[in-house]
Amino acid sequence: MTADAVPLDASQASKLHEARNAIREQLGKIIVGQDEVIDELLICLFSRGHCLLEGVPGLAKTLMISTLAKALELRFSRVQFTPDLMPADVTGTEIIEEDRATGHREMRFMEGPLFSNVVLADEINRTPPKTQAALLEAMQERQVTVGRIRHPLPDPFFVLATQNPIEQEGTYPLPEAQQDRFMFKIFVDYPTFDEEFEVAKRTTGSSVAEVKPILSGEDIIALQDLVRRVPVSDHVVRFALSLVRQTRVGSPGIPAFVDELVGWGAGPRAVQYLILGGKARALLDGRFHVQVEDIAALAPPVLRHRMVVNFAAESEGISSDDVIQRIIDATPQTEDELTRDARFQKIFAS
């Protein structure tokens, strides 16, 4: 257990679990299925992270995010990213304003849609990298700098971005530095037959479901602070470090298949997000501590956009998710096996 972790009592630990169930119930009025996607969105939210959702058009990515915003008593903005969108259209700009009483003119900053609690960056990869980069400072520093003046963003602040697969027409690949600001990259898949059957029935009728707000901004901030107080053992931290360090090509102790299939691996931010995500996942499940299974379950959404496979892997149809799963399978989950394995002793010593 880390030294600064404060033990939680049962009533505190149950708050996030109850909030998850209430939000799920509200989202279930509009969204059919996608339980895993919703859980990962909530983990991201309560970890103070940002989330990138990828899927083909028509899978209700935008509807899911806007419905989540309704279930939270927060200010919501949607930005439709297009090829002609400029950075100032997102962050805001300075305008000249005249004081009618005195006749003097002065510069005034007009806030852009980024100054909201929940920002939906819709189809973020349909705008050029220049405009995509307008989000970098906001996502990392939670502020916007215009004309040497820093403008703090509201708290809580949560960027949810959707993107279409890069193979589709009219898309620009997100720079690696931009992707690294997102805690999770979540794949949104097609619904099952039964789910799509229910979607067809709901969306072609006249009834409209009403979503009630569950949490306020103050509630979310309190729950985010609660997540950071969840204890985590040194063994779980070592396991998270083991997964991330095995993605780094050329490092001591990594599996041979990583050198063969990976172009470059994940940085320290991946370890931070694995541990924070594990804490949030534990509380969402009503548990007081983080397990190795939490880290393993969150490894794909945390690592898939931070670890890049090389041409050899692409030519064989091997994705980053395939490599991540192989790394998980090759990593012992018990403390004794992990610390005694000669290969991991090299990883820990490097």
Protein backbone atom coordinates (compact mmCIF):
# COMPACT_ATOMS: atom_id res chain seq x y z
CA MET A 1 0.00 0.00 0.00
CA THR A 2 1.32 3.44 -0.82
CA ALA A 3 2.20 5.65 2.14
CA ASP A 4 -0.22 8.44 1.26
CA ALA A 5 -3.26 6.18 0.73
CA VAL A 6 -6.00 6.74 3.31
CA PRO A 7 -8.16 3.66 4.00
CA LEU A 8 -11.77 3.99 2.91
CA ASP A 9 -14.79 2.88 4.89
CA ALA A 10 -17.68 0.93 3.38
CA SER A 11 -19.96 3.96 2.94
CA GLN A 12 -17.28 5.88 1.00
CA ALA A 13 -16.39 2.94 -1.22
CA SER A 14 -20.04 2.34 -2.08
CA LYS A 15 -20.59 5.90 -3.38
CA LEU A 16 -18.95 5.30 -6.74
CA HIS A 17 -20.58 1.90 -7.14
CA GLU A 18 -24.02 3.42 -6.55
CA ALA A 19 -23.26 6.32 -8.90
CA ARG A 20 -22.22 3.88 -11.64
CA ASN A 21 -25.46 1.95 -11.33
CA ALA A 22 -27.58 5.13 -11.38
CA ILE A 23 -25.80 6.52 -14.47
CA ARG A 24 -26.07 3.16 -16.23
CA GLU A 25 -29.80 3.15 -15.57
CA GLN A 26 -30.22 6.60 -17.11
CA LEU A 27 -28.05 5.79 -20.14
CA GLY A 28 -29.96 2.54 -20.61
CA LYS A 29 -33.07 4.60 -21.45
CA ILE A 30 -31.35 5.78 -24.64
CA ILE A 31 -28.38 3.49 -25.31
CA VAL A 32 -28.88 -0.22 -25.95
CA GLY A 33 -25.98 -2.46 -24.90
CA GLN A 34 -22.39 -1.09 -24.96
CA ASP A 35 -22.00 -1.83 -21.23
CA GLU A 36 -18.23 -2.23 -21.47
CA VAL A 37 -17.87 1.08 -23.35
CA ILE A 38 -20.01 2.88 -20.76
CA ASP A 39 -17.97 1.42 -17.88
CA GLU A 40 -14.71 2.53 -19.49
CA LEU A 41 -16.14 6.02 -20.04
CA LEU A 42 -17.01 6.22 -16.33
CA ILE A 43 -13.59 4.93 -15.28
CA CYS A 44 -12.06 7.68 -17.41
CA LEU A 45 -14.36 10.32 -15.96
CA PHE A 46 -13.66 9.46 -12.32
CA SER A 47 -9.90 9.21 -13.00
CA ARG A 48 -9.83 12.80 -14.36
CA GLY A 49 -8.86 11.47 -17.79
CA HIS A 50 -9.98 12.07 -21.36
CA CYS A 51 -11.38 9.47 -23.72
CA LEU A 52 -11.13 8.72 -27.45
CA LEU A 53 -13.85 6.56 -29.02
CA GLU A 54 -13.29 5.01 -32.43
CA GLY A 55 -15.87 3.32 -34.62
CA VAL A 56 -17.56 3.53 -37.98
CA PRO A 57 -20.33 6.14 -38.40
CA GLY A 58 -23.77 5.29 -37.04
CA LEU A 59 -22.82 3.40 -33.87
CA ALA A 60 -24.29 6.07 -31.52
CA LYS A 61 -20.92 7.34 -30.28
CA THR A 62 -22.12 10.94 -30.29
CA LEU A 63 -25.49 9.98 -28.78
CA MET A 64 -23.76 8.04 -26.02
CA ILE A 65 -21.60 11.01 -25.03
CA SER A 66 -24.41 13.56 -25.18
CA THR A 67 -26.61 11.24 -23.09
CA LEU A 68 -23.82 10.84 -20.53
CA ALA A 69 -23.57 14.65 -20.34
CA LYS A 70 -27.31 14.84 -19.60
CA ALA A 71 -26.87 12.35 -16.76
CA LEU A 72 -24.28 14.71 -15.29
CA GLU A 73 -25.33 18.15 -14.12
CA LEU A 74 -22.53 19.78 -16.11
CA ARG A 75 -22.07 22.37 -18.84
CA PHE A 76 -21.78 20.55 -22.17
CA SER A 77 -20.38 21.67 -25.54
CA ARG A 78 -20.18 19.84 -28.82
CA VAL A 79 -17.61 20.81 -31.46
CA GLN A 80 -18.04 19.31 -34.92
CA PHE A 81 -14.50 18.99 -36.29
CA THR A 82 -14.37 19.78 -40.01
CA PRO A 83 -11.49 20.42 -42.46
CA ASP A 84 -12.01 24.21 -42.29
CA LEU A 85 -12.18 24.46 -38.47
CA MET A 86 -9.56 26.82 -37.01
CA PRO A 87 -7.91 26.63 -33.53
CA ALA A 88 -9.62 29.85 -32.40
CA ASP A 89 -12.99 28.28 -33.20
CA VAL A 90 -12.26 25.81 -30.40
CA THR A 91 -10.31 27.76 -27.79
CA GLY A 92 -11.81 31.22 -28.28
CA THR A 93 -10.31 34.50 -29.46
CA GLU A 94 -9.75 38.11 -28.47
CA ILE A 95 -12.11 40.70 -29.91
CA ILE A 96 -12.14 44.50 -29.84
CA GLU A 97 -15.03 45.78 -27.76
CA GLU A 98 -16.10 49.41 -27.42
CA ASP A 99 -17.33 50.81 -24.12
CA ARG A 100 -20.40 52.86 -25.15
CA ALA A 101 -20.20 55.01 -22.02
CA THR A 102 -16.60 56.15 -22.52
CA GLY A 103 -15.99 55.41 -26.19
CA HIS A 104 -12.79 53.54 -25.33
CA ARG A 105 -11.97 50.29 -27.10
CA GLU A 106 -10.33 47.36 -25.40
CA MET A 107 -9.49 43.75 -26.11
CA ARG A 108 -11.78 41.17 -24.54
CA PHE A 109 -11.38 37.39 -24.63
CA MET A 110 -14.42 35.57 -25.97
CA GLU A 111 -14.47 32.01 -24.69
CA GLY A 112 -14.79 29.16 -27.17
CA PRO A 113 -16.71 25.91 -26.71
CA LEU A 114 -13.71 24.44 -24.90
CA PHE A 115 -14.80 26.35 -21.77
CA SER A 116 -17.26 23.69 -20.65
CA ASN A 117 -17.17 20.78 -18.22
CA VAL A 118 -17.82 18.11 -20.86
CA VAL A 119 -16.50 18.78 -24.36
CA LEU A 120 -17.45 16.50 -27.24
CA ALA A 121 -14.83 16.71 -30.00
CA ASP A 122 -16.92 15.04 -32.68
CA GLU A 123 -15.01 13.34 -35.51
CA ILE A 124 -11.75 14.83 -34.27
CA ASN A 125 -9.71 13.25 -37.05
CA ARG A 126 -11.63 15.08 -39.80
CA THR A 127 -9.79 18.33 -39.04
CA PRO A 128 -6.10 19.03 -39.82
CA PRO A 129 -3.42 18.56 -37.10
CA LYS A 130 -3.15 22.34 -36.60
CA THR A 131 -6.65 22.43 -35.15
CA GLN A 132 -6.28 19.09 -33.37
CA ALA A 133 -3.30 20.57 -31.52
CA ALA A 134 -5.52 23.31 -30.08
CA LEU A 135 -6.64 20.72 -27.52
CA LEU A 136 -3.14 19.80 -26.30
CA GLU A 137 -2.69 22.50 -23.65
CA ALA A 138 -6.31 22.26 -22.54
CA MET A 139 -6.18 18.50 -22.00
CA GLN A 140 -2.83 18.49 -20.20
CA GLU A 141 -2.76 21.79 -18.28
CA ARG A 142 -6.53 22.41 -18.12
CA GLN A 143 -6.03 25.95 -19.33
CA VAL A 144 -5.91 27.96 -22.56
CA THR A 145 -3.25 30.58 -23.29
CA VAL A 146 -4.23 33.42 -25.62
CA GLY A 147 -2.08 36.52 -26.02
CA ARG A 148 0.20 35.55 -23.10
CA ILE A 149 -2.80 35.37 -20.77
CA ARG A 150 -3.76 32.05 -19.23
CA HIS A 151 -7.45 31.28 -18.97
CA PRO A 152 -8.23 28.38 -16.58
CA LEU A 153 -10.83 25.87 -17.70
CA PRO A 154 -13.72 24.84 -15.43
CA ASP A 155 -13.42 21.90 -13.06
CA PRO A 156 -14.30 19.14 -13.71
CA PHE A 157 -13.06 19.16 -17.31
CA PHE A 158 -13.50 16.13 -19.54
CA VAL A 159 -12.78 15.80 -23.27
CA LEU A 160 -14.60 13.02 -25.09
CA ALA A 161 -13.54 12.68 -28.70
CA THR A 162 -14.93 10.46 -31.43
CA GLN A 163 -13.05 9.47 -34.54
CA ASN A 164 -13.70 7.40 -37.62
CA PRO A 165 -11.30 4.62 -38.66
CA ILE A 166 -8.30 6.10 -40.44
CA GLU A 167 -9.01 3.98 -43.50
CA GLN A 168 -12.10 6.08 -44.25
CA GLU A 169 -12.10 9.01 -46.64
CA GLY A 170 -11.43 12.53 -45.34
CA THR A 171 -9.58 11.61 -42.15
CA TYR A 172 -6.30 12.95 -40.74
CA PRO A 173 -4.28 10.69 -38.38
CA LEU A 174 -4.03 12.04 -34.84
CA PRO A 175 -0.40 12.89 -33.91
CA GLU A 176 1.12 10.58 -31.29
CA ALA A 177 1.44 13.46 -28.79
CA GLN A 178 -2.27 14.18 -29.17
CA GLN A 179 -3.25 10.53 -28.72
CA ASP A 180 -1.10 10.26 -25.59
CA ARG A 181 -3.27 12.89 -23.87
CA PHE A 182 -6.21 10.50 -23.98
CA MET A 183 -6.36 8.09 -21.07
CA PHE A 184 -8.31 5.48 -23.04
CA LYS A 185 -8.85 4.66 -26.67
CA ILE A 186 -12.11 2.69 -26.83
CA PHE A 187 -13.31 0.72 -29.83
CA VAL A 188 -17.07 0.89 -30.38
CA ASP A 189 -18.25 -2.21 -32.24
CA TYR A 190 -21.45 -3.14 -34.04
CA PRO A 191 -24.37 -4.18 -31.80
CA THR A 192 -25.53 -7.78 -31.54
CA PHE A 193 -28.67 -8.88 -33.39
CA ASP A 194 -30.86 -8.56 -30.27
CA GLU A 195 -29.41 -5.13 -29.45
CA GLU A 196 -29.95 -3.86 -32.98
CA PHE A 197 -33.48 -5.27 -32.92
CA GLU A 198 -34.17 -3.23 -29.77
CA VAL A 199 -32.56 -0.12 -31.33
CA ALA A 200 -34.82 -0.43 -34.36
CA LYS A 201 -37.94 -0.65 -32.18
CA ARG A 202 -37.00 2.26 -29.92
CA THR A 203 -35.87 4.70 -32.59
CA THR A 204 -38.79 4.28 -34.97
CA GLY A 205 -41.55 4.98 -32.45
CA SER A 206 -42.96 8.20 -31.05
CA SER A 207 -41.91 7.89 -27.39
CA VAL A 208 -38.90 9.86 -26.15
CA ALA A 209 -37.11 8.83 -22.96
CA GLU A 210 -36.11 11.51 -20.46
CA VAL A 211 -32.66 11.35 -18.87
CA LYS A 212 -32.40 12.70 -15.31
CA PRO A 213 -29.17 14.23 -13.95
CA ILE A 214 -27.48 12.04 -11.36
CA LEU A 215 -24.28 13.85 -10.33
CA SER A 216 -23.31 17.51 -10.03
CA GLY A 217 -19.86 18.95 -10.64
CA GLU A 218 -19.14 18.98 -6.89
CA ASP A 219 -20.16 15.30 -6.64
CA ILE A 220 -17.82 14.34 -9.48
CA ILE A 221 -14.86 16.22 -7.98
CA ALA A 222 -15.46 14.50 -4.64
CA LEU A 223 -15.59 11.08 -6.31
CA GLN A 224 -12.43 11.85 -8.31
CA ASP A 225 -10.65 12.64 -5.04
CA LEU A 226 -12.03 9.42 -3.58
CA VAL A 227 -10.52 7.39 -6.42
CA ARG A 228 -7.02 8.68 -5.64
CA ARG A 229 -7.39 7.50 -2.02
CA VAL A 230 -7.87 3.86 -3.00
CA PRO A 231 -4.90 1.80 -1.71
CA VAL A 232 -2.76 -0.10 -4.22
CA SER A 233 -0.13 -2.69 -3.31
CA ASP A 234 3.46 -2.57 -4.55
CA HIS A 235 2.86 -5.85 -6.38
CA VAL A 236 0.05 -4.31 -8.46
CA VAL A 237 2.29 -1.32 -9.29
CA ARG A 238 5.08 -3.71 -10.35
CA PHE A 239 2.63 -5.62 -12.54
CA ALA A 240 1.52 -2.39 -14.26
CA LEU A 241 5.16 -1.39 -14.76
CA SER A 242 5.94 -4.83 -16.17
CA LEU A 243 3.23 -4.55 -18.84
CA VAL A 244 4.30 -1.07 -19.93
CA ARG A 245 8.06 -1.68 -19.90
CA GLN A 246 7.63 -4.81 -22.02
CA THR A 247 6.30 -2.65 -24.86
CA ARG A 248 9.63 -0.78 -25.19
CA VAL A 249 11.75 -2.14 -28.01
CA GLY A 250 15.35 -2.96 -27.12
CA SER A 251 14.85 -2.89 -23.34
CA PRO A 252 16.35 -5.70 -21.20
CA GLY A 253 14.10 -8.66 -20.48
CA ILE A 254 11.35 -7.96 -23.02
CA PRO A 255 9.89 -10.86 -25.03
CA ALA A 256 11.42 -11.56 -28.45
CA PHE A 257 8.08 -10.98 -30.20
CA VAL A 258 8.04 -7.36 -29.00
CA ASP A 259 11.33 -6.62 -30.79
CA GLU A 260 9.92 -8.32 -33.88
CA LEU A 261 6.49 -6.65 -33.97
CA VAL A 262 6.63 -3.28 -32.17
CA GLY A 263 7.87 0.04 -33.57
CA TRP A 264 7.92 1.89 -30.26
CA GLY A 265 6.30 1.46 -26.88
CA ALA A 266 4.39 3.35 -24.21
CA GLY A 267 5.75 6.03 -21.88
CA PRO A 268 5.31 6.60 -18.11
CA ARG A 269 1.88 8.19 -18.58
CA ALA A 270 0.58 4.69 -19.42
CA VAL A 271 1.61 3.41 -15.96
CA GLN A 272 -0.12 6.33 -14.27
CA TYR A 273 -3.34 5.73 -16.18
CA LEU A 274 -3.26 1.97 -15.55
CA ILE A 275 -3.05 2.53 -11.79
CA LEU A 276 -5.61 5.35 -11.68
CA GLY A 277 -7.95 3.37 -13.91
CA GLY A 278 -7.49 0.31 -11.71
CA LYS A 279 -8.47 2.36 -8.65
CA ALA A 280 -11.61 3.68 -10.35
CA ARG A 281 -12.53 0.22 -11.65
CA ALA A 282 -12.22 -1.24 -8.16
CA LEU A 283 -14.57 1.35 -6.65
CA LEU A 284 -17.03 1.00 -9.53
CA ASP A 285 -17.20 -2.72 -8.68
CA GLY A 286 -17.66 -1.92 -4.97
CA ARG A 287 -14.16 -3.04 -3.93
CA PHE A 288 -11.71 -1.29 -1.60
CA HIS A 289 -8.46 -2.30 -3.31
CA VAL A 290 -6.94 -2.72 -6.76
CA GLN A 291 -6.32 -6.20 -8.13
CA VAL A 292 -3.96 -7.40 -10.85
CA GLU A 293 -7.07 -8.29 -12.88
CA ASP A 294 -8.05 -4.60 -12.95
CA ILE A 295 -4.71 -3.68 -14.53
CA ALA A 296 -4.90 -6.51 -17.07
CA ALA A 297 -8.47 -5.56 -18.04
CA LEU A 298 -7.51 -1.92 -18.67
CA ALA A 299 -4.25 -2.63 -20.52
CA PRO A 300 -5.84 -2.66 -24.03
CA PRO A 301 -7.64 0.74 -23.84
CA VAL A 302 -4.60 2.34 -22.14
CA LEU A 303 -1.87 0.88 -24.36
CA ARG A 304 -3.42 0.39 -27.82
CA HIS A 305 -2.83 4.01 -28.90
CA ARG A 306 0.54 4.35 -27.15
CA MET A 307 2.21 1.27 -28.63
CA VAL A 308 2.74 1.23 -32.38
CA VAL A 309 3.26 -2.01 -34.28
CA ASN A 310 5.76 -2.06 -37.15
CA PHE A 311 5.34 -2.96 -40.82
CA ALA A 312 6.14 -6.63 -40.19
CA ALA A 313 3.20 -6.90 -37.78
CA GLU A 314 0.85 -5.01 -40.11
CA SER A 315 1.77 -7.25 -43.03
CA GLU A 316 0.78 -10.28 -40.94
CA GLY A 317 -2.46 -8.68 -39.76
CA ILE A 318 -1.25 -8.37 -36.15
CA SER A 319 -2.74 -5.41 -34.28
CA SER A 320 -1.53 -3.62 -31.16
CA ASP A 321 -4.31 -5.37 -29.21
CA ASP A 322 -2.90 -8.75 -30.28
CA VAL A 323 0.57 -7.79 -28.99
CA ILE A 324 -0.88 -6.42 -25.74
CA GLN A 325 -2.72 -9.68 -25.10
CA ARG A 326 0.46 -11.67 -25.75
CA ILE A 327 2.32 -9.45 -23.25
CA ILE A 328 -0.42 -10.00 -20.63
CA ASP A 329 -0.29 -13.77 -21.21
CA ALA A 330 3.51 -13.74 -20.82
CA THR A 331 3.42 -11.81 -17.52
CA PRO A 332 2.97 -13.74 -14.24
CA GLN A 333 0.19 -12.36 -12.06
CA THR A 334 1.33 -13.66 -8.67
CA GLU A 335 3.93 -11.75 -6.67
CA ASP A 336 6.26 -14.72 -6.18
CA GLU A 337 6.39 -15.60 -9.88
CA LEU A 338 6.85 -12.00 -10.93
CA THR A 339 9.72 -11.25 -8.53
CA ARG A 340 11.54 -14.59 -9.01
CA ASP A 341 11.39 -14.71 -12.81
CA ALA A 342 14.87 -13.92 -14.18
CA ARG A 343 13.41 -12.06 -17.16
CA PHE A 344 11.47 -9.66 -14.93
CA GLN A 345 14.46 -9.17 -12.64
CA LYS A 346 16.18 -7.68 -15.70
CA ILE A 347 13.15 -5.46 -16.37
CA PHE A 348 13.06 -4.20 -12.77
CA ALA A 349 16.81 -3.60 -12.75
CA SER A 350 16.91 -1.65 -16.03
